[in-house]
Amino acid sequence: MGDWGWEYHPDAHHVIGETPNLSFVAQVEARADELVRVAAALYLDGTTYQGQSPGVQEEVLPGGMFQYLTVVRQERLYIVQVTPWPL
């Protein structure tokens, strides 16, 4: 298995900003961990992958949603937007 991981893109402050809902952010990060494990199992050696990456996808969780981009050849999942529902 490669070095799959996830990160906020371009950075955490830009993506999650000043959201007061830290429990939702924790849910997003836990789900990102799960999605990375799935990608690592699906693309065993992502660096040599020749197909098209899945593109931007969306996850809806209790309390909000987030969008992420999976780049297989970089073995990275980039969280690009986090939107908590209003409390």
N, C-alpha and C. Protein backbone atom coordinates (compact mmCIF):
# COMPACT_ATOMS: atom_id res chain seq x y z
N MET A 1 0.85 -1.16 0.00
CA MET A 1 0.00 0.00 0.00
C MET A 1 0.90 1.23 0.00
N GLY A 2 0.44 2.27 -0.69
CA GLY A 2 1.22 3.50 -0.81
C GLY A 2 1.06 4.40 0.41
N ASP A 3 1.30 5.65 0.19
CA ASP A 3 1.24 6.64 1.27
C ASP A 3 0.00 7.51 1.14
N TRP A 4 -1.14 6.90 1.01
CA TRP A 4 -2.38 7.64 0.90
C TRP A 4 -2.61 8.52 2.12
N GLY A 5 -3.18 9.68 1.88
CA GLY A 5 -3.52 10.59 2.97
C GLY A 5 -4.52 11.62 2.49
N TRP A 6 -4.94 12.46 3.40
CA TRP A 6 -5.86 13.53 3.03
C TRP A 6 -5.35 14.84 3.61
N GLU A 7 -5.80 15.93 3.04
CA GLU A 7 -5.47 17.26 3.54
C GLU A 7 -6.51 18.26 3.05
N TYR A 8 -6.55 19.39 3.73
CA TYR A 8 -7.40 20.48 3.28
C TYR A 8 -6.68 21.19 2.15
N HIS A 9 -7.45 21.62 1.14
CA HIS A 9 -6.84 22.32 0.02
C HIS A 9 -7.59 23.61 -0.26
N PRO A 10 -6.95 24.76 -0.21
CA PRO A 10 -5.50 24.95 -0.12
C PRO A 10 -4.95 24.83 1.30
N ASP A 11 -5.78 25.10 2.33
CA ASP A 11 -5.35 24.89 3.71
C ASP A 11 -6.59 24.85 4.60
N ALA A 12 -6.42 24.46 5.84
CA ALA A 12 -7.56 24.28 6.75
C ALA A 12 -8.30 25.59 6.98
N HIS A 13 -7.60 26.68 7.16
CA HIS A 13 -8.27 27.95 7.43
C HIS A 13 -9.16 28.35 6.26
N HIS A 14 -8.69 28.15 5.05
CA HIS A 14 -9.48 28.50 3.87
C HIS A 14 -10.72 27.61 3.75
N VAL A 15 -10.59 26.34 4.07
CA VAL A 15 -11.69 25.39 3.86
C VAL A 15 -12.69 25.41 5.01
N ILE A 16 -12.23 25.38 6.25
CA ILE A 16 -13.18 25.34 7.37
C ILE A 16 -13.33 26.68 8.05
N GLY A 17 -12.43 27.61 7.79
CA GLY A 17 -12.55 28.96 8.32
C GLY A 17 -12.70 29.00 9.82
N GLU A 18 -13.63 29.79 10.27
CA GLU A 18 -13.85 30.02 11.70
C GLU A 18 -15.06 29.26 12.22
N THR A 19 -15.42 28.15 11.58
CA THR A 19 -16.62 27.42 11.99
C THR A 19 -16.58 27.07 13.48
N PRO A 20 -17.64 27.42 14.19
CA PRO A 20 -17.68 27.10 15.61
C PRO A 20 -18.07 25.64 15.88
N ASN A 21 -18.46 24.92 14.85
CA ASN A 21 -18.97 23.56 15.01
C ASN A 21 -17.82 22.55 14.91
N LEU A 22 -17.01 22.48 15.96
CA LEU A 22 -15.84 21.59 15.94
C LEU A 22 -16.22 20.12 15.91
N SER A 23 -17.38 19.77 16.43
CA SER A 23 -17.80 18.36 16.37
C SER A 23 -18.09 17.96 14.92
N PHE A 24 -18.60 18.89 14.13
CA PHE A 24 -18.82 18.58 12.71
C PHE A 24 -17.49 18.43 11.99
N VAL A 25 -16.55 19.31 12.29
CA VAL A 25 -15.22 19.20 11.67
C VAL A 25 -14.60 17.85 12.03
N ALA A 26 -14.77 17.39 13.25
CA ALA A 26 -14.26 16.07 13.66
C ALA A 26 -14.92 14.96 12.85
N GLN A 27 -16.22 15.09 12.56
CA GLN A 27 -16.92 14.11 11.72
C GLN A 27 -16.33 14.09 10.31
N VAL A 28 -16.07 15.28 9.76
CA VAL A 28 -15.49 15.38 8.42
C VAL A 28 -14.14 14.69 8.39
N GLU A 29 -13.31 14.95 9.37
CA GLU A 29 -11.98 14.37 9.39
C GLU A 29 -12.01 12.86 9.59
N ALA A 30 -12.94 12.37 10.40
CA ALA A 30 -13.08 10.92 10.58
C ALA A 30 -13.54 10.26 9.28
N ARG A 31 -14.47 10.91 8.58
CA ARG A 31 -14.95 10.36 7.31
C ARG A 31 -13.83 10.41 6.27
N ALA A 32 -13.02 11.46 6.28
CA ALA A 32 -11.88 11.55 5.36
C ALA A 32 -10.91 10.39 5.60
N ASP A 33 -10.67 10.05 6.86
CA ASP A 33 -9.83 8.90 7.17
C ASP A 33 -10.39 7.62 6.55
N GLU A 34 -11.70 7.44 6.66
CA GLU A 34 -12.35 6.26 6.07
C GLU A 34 -12.21 6.26 4.55
N LEU A 35 -12.44 7.41 3.93
CA LEU A 35 -12.35 7.50 2.47
C LEU A 35 -10.94 7.22 1.97
N VAL A 36 -9.94 7.63 2.74
CA VAL A 36 -8.54 7.34 2.37
C VAL A 36 -8.28 5.84 2.43
N ARG A 37 -8.81 5.17 3.45
CA ARG A 37 -8.63 3.71 3.54
C ARG A 37 -9.29 3.01 2.36
N VAL A 38 -10.46 3.48 1.95
CA VAL A 38 -11.16 2.91 0.79
C VAL A 38 -10.33 3.12 -0.48
N ALA A 39 -9.84 4.34 -0.67
CA ALA A 39 -9.04 4.64 -1.87
C ALA A 39 -7.77 3.80 -1.91
N ALA A 40 -7.12 3.63 -0.77
CA ALA A 40 -5.90 2.84 -0.71
C ALA A 40 -6.17 1.38 -1.09
N ALA A 41 -7.33 0.87 -0.69
CA ALA A 41 -7.68 -0.52 -1.04
C ALA A 41 -8.09 -0.63 -2.51
N LEU A 42 -8.72 0.39 -3.04
CA LEU A 42 -9.19 0.37 -4.42
C LEU A 42 -8.05 0.59 -5.41
N TYR A 43 -7.14 1.48 -5.07
CA TYR A 43 -6.01 1.81 -5.95
C TYR A 43 -4.73 1.40 -5.22
N LEU A 44 -4.36 0.14 -5.34
CA LEU A 44 -3.25 -0.41 -4.55
C LEU A 44 -1.94 0.34 -4.78
N ASP A 45 -1.65 0.72 -6.00
CA ASP A 45 -0.46 1.54 -6.28
C ASP A 45 -0.91 2.73 -7.09
N GLY A 46 -1.42 3.73 -6.39
CA GLY A 46 -1.98 4.89 -7.06
C GLY A 46 -0.99 5.63 -7.93
N THR A 47 0.28 5.61 -7.57
CA THR A 47 1.28 6.37 -8.33
C THR A 47 1.43 5.88 -9.76
N THR A 48 1.08 4.63 -10.02
CA THR A 48 1.19 4.10 -11.38
C THR A 48 -0.17 4.01 -12.08
N TYR A 49 -1.20 4.51 -11.45
CA TYR A 49 -2.56 4.46 -12.00
C TYR A 49 -2.62 5.24 -13.31
N GLN A 50 -3.24 4.64 -14.33
CA GLN A 50 -3.31 5.27 -15.66
C GLN A 50 -4.70 5.79 -16.01
N GLY A 51 -5.70 5.48 -15.21
CA GLY A 51 -7.07 5.90 -15.52
C GLY A 51 -7.36 7.31 -15.06
N GLN A 52 -8.62 7.66 -15.18
CA GLN A 52 -9.06 8.98 -14.77
C GLN A 52 -9.39 8.96 -13.28
N SER A 53 -9.02 10.01 -12.57
CA SER A 53 -9.37 10.12 -11.15
C SER A 53 -10.88 10.36 -11.03
N PRO A 54 -11.47 10.01 -9.89
CA PRO A 54 -12.92 10.12 -9.73
C PRO A 54 -13.48 11.54 -9.80
N GLY A 55 -12.66 12.55 -9.60
CA GLY A 55 -13.16 13.92 -9.63
C GLY A 55 -13.70 14.35 -8.28
N VAL A 56 -14.37 15.49 -8.27
CA VAL A 56 -14.92 16.03 -7.03
C VAL A 56 -16.16 15.23 -6.63
N GLN A 57 -16.19 14.86 -5.36
CA GLN A 57 -17.33 14.11 -4.83
C GLN A 57 -17.83 14.80 -3.57
N GLU A 58 -19.00 14.39 -3.12
CA GLU A 58 -19.66 15.05 -2.00
C GLU A 58 -20.09 14.01 -0.98
N GLU A 59 -19.94 14.37 0.28
CA GLU A 59 -20.41 13.53 1.39
C GLU A 59 -21.35 14.37 2.25
N VAL A 60 -22.50 13.82 2.57
CA VAL A 60 -23.44 14.48 3.47
C VAL A 60 -23.40 13.75 4.80
N LEU A 61 -23.18 14.51 5.85
CA LEU A 61 -23.09 13.97 7.20
C LEU A 61 -24.13 14.66 8.08
N PRO A 62 -24.42 14.10 9.24
CA PRO A 62 -25.29 14.84 10.16
C PRO A 62 -24.62 16.18 10.50
N GLY A 63 -25.31 17.25 10.24
CA GLY A 63 -24.75 18.57 10.56
C GLY A 63 -24.14 19.31 9.40
N GLY A 64 -24.07 18.71 8.22
CA GLY A 64 -23.51 19.43 7.08
C GLY A 64 -23.02 18.51 5.98
N MET A 65 -22.18 19.08 5.12
CA MET A 65 -21.64 18.30 4.00
C MET A 65 -20.23 18.80 3.70
N PHE A 66 -19.50 17.99 2.91
CA PHE A 66 -18.19 18.44 2.44
C PHE A 66 -17.93 17.88 1.06
N GLN A 67 -17.09 18.57 0.32
CA GLN A 67 -16.68 18.14 -1.01
C GLN A 67 -15.20 17.83 -0.98
N TYR A 68 -14.82 16.81 -1.74
CA TYR A 68 -13.42 16.41 -1.78
C TYR A 68 -13.04 15.96 -3.17
N LEU A 69 -11.78 16.06 -3.45
CA LEU A 69 -11.23 15.65 -4.73
C LEU A 69 -10.21 14.55 -4.47
N THR A 70 -10.37 13.42 -5.15
CA THR A 70 -9.40 12.33 -5.04
C THR A 70 -8.47 12.38 -6.24
N VAL A 71 -7.18 12.50 -5.99
CA VAL A 71 -6.17 12.50 -7.05
C VAL A 71 -5.36 11.22 -6.86
N VAL A 72 -5.69 10.23 -7.65
CA VAL A 72 -5.15 8.88 -7.46
C VAL A 72 -3.63 8.86 -7.60
N ARG A 73 -3.08 9.48 -8.64
CA ARG A 73 -1.63 9.41 -8.86
C ARG A 73 -0.84 10.12 -7.77
N GLN A 74 -1.45 11.03 -7.05
CA GLN A 74 -0.79 11.67 -5.91
C GLN A 74 -1.10 10.95 -4.61
N GLU A 75 -2.00 9.97 -4.66
CA GLU A 75 -2.47 9.23 -3.49
C GLU A 75 -2.94 10.20 -2.40
N ARG A 76 -3.79 11.15 -2.83
CA ARG A 76 -4.29 12.17 -1.93
C ARG A 76 -5.77 12.40 -2.13
N LEU A 77 -6.40 12.68 -1.01
CA LEU A 77 -7.78 13.12 -0.99
C LEU A 77 -7.74 14.56 -0.46
N TYR A 78 -8.20 15.49 -1.26
CA TYR A 78 -8.18 16.91 -0.88
C TYR A 78 -9.58 17.36 -0.51
N ILE A 79 -9.76 17.81 0.72
CA ILE A 79 -11.03 18.37 1.14
C ILE A 79 -11.03 19.82 0.69
N VAL A 80 -11.98 20.16 -0.20
CA VAL A 80 -11.97 21.48 -0.81
C VAL A 80 -13.07 22.40 -0.28
N GLN A 81 -14.11 21.84 0.34
CA GLN A 81 -15.17 22.68 0.90
C GLN A 81 -15.86 21.95 2.04
N VAL A 82 -16.09 22.65 3.12
CA VAL A 82 -16.84 22.12 4.26
C VAL A 82 -17.98 23.10 4.53
N THR A 83 -19.20 22.57 4.56
CA THR A 83 -20.38 23.40 4.79
C THR A 83 -21.22 22.84 5.91
N PRO A 84 -21.08 23.41 7.12
CA PRO A 84 -21.97 22.96 8.21
C PRO A 84 -23.35 23.59 8.03
N TRP A 85 -24.38 22.85 8.41
CA TRP A 85 -25.73 23.40 8.36
C TRP A 85 -25.85 24.43 9.49
N PRO A 86 -26.68 25.43 9.30
CA PRO A 86 -26.89 26.39 10.40
C PRO A 86 -27.44 25.69 11.64
N LEU A 87 -26.99 26.14 12.78
CA LEU A 87 -27.44 25.53 14.05
C LEU A 87 -28.80 26.07 14.44
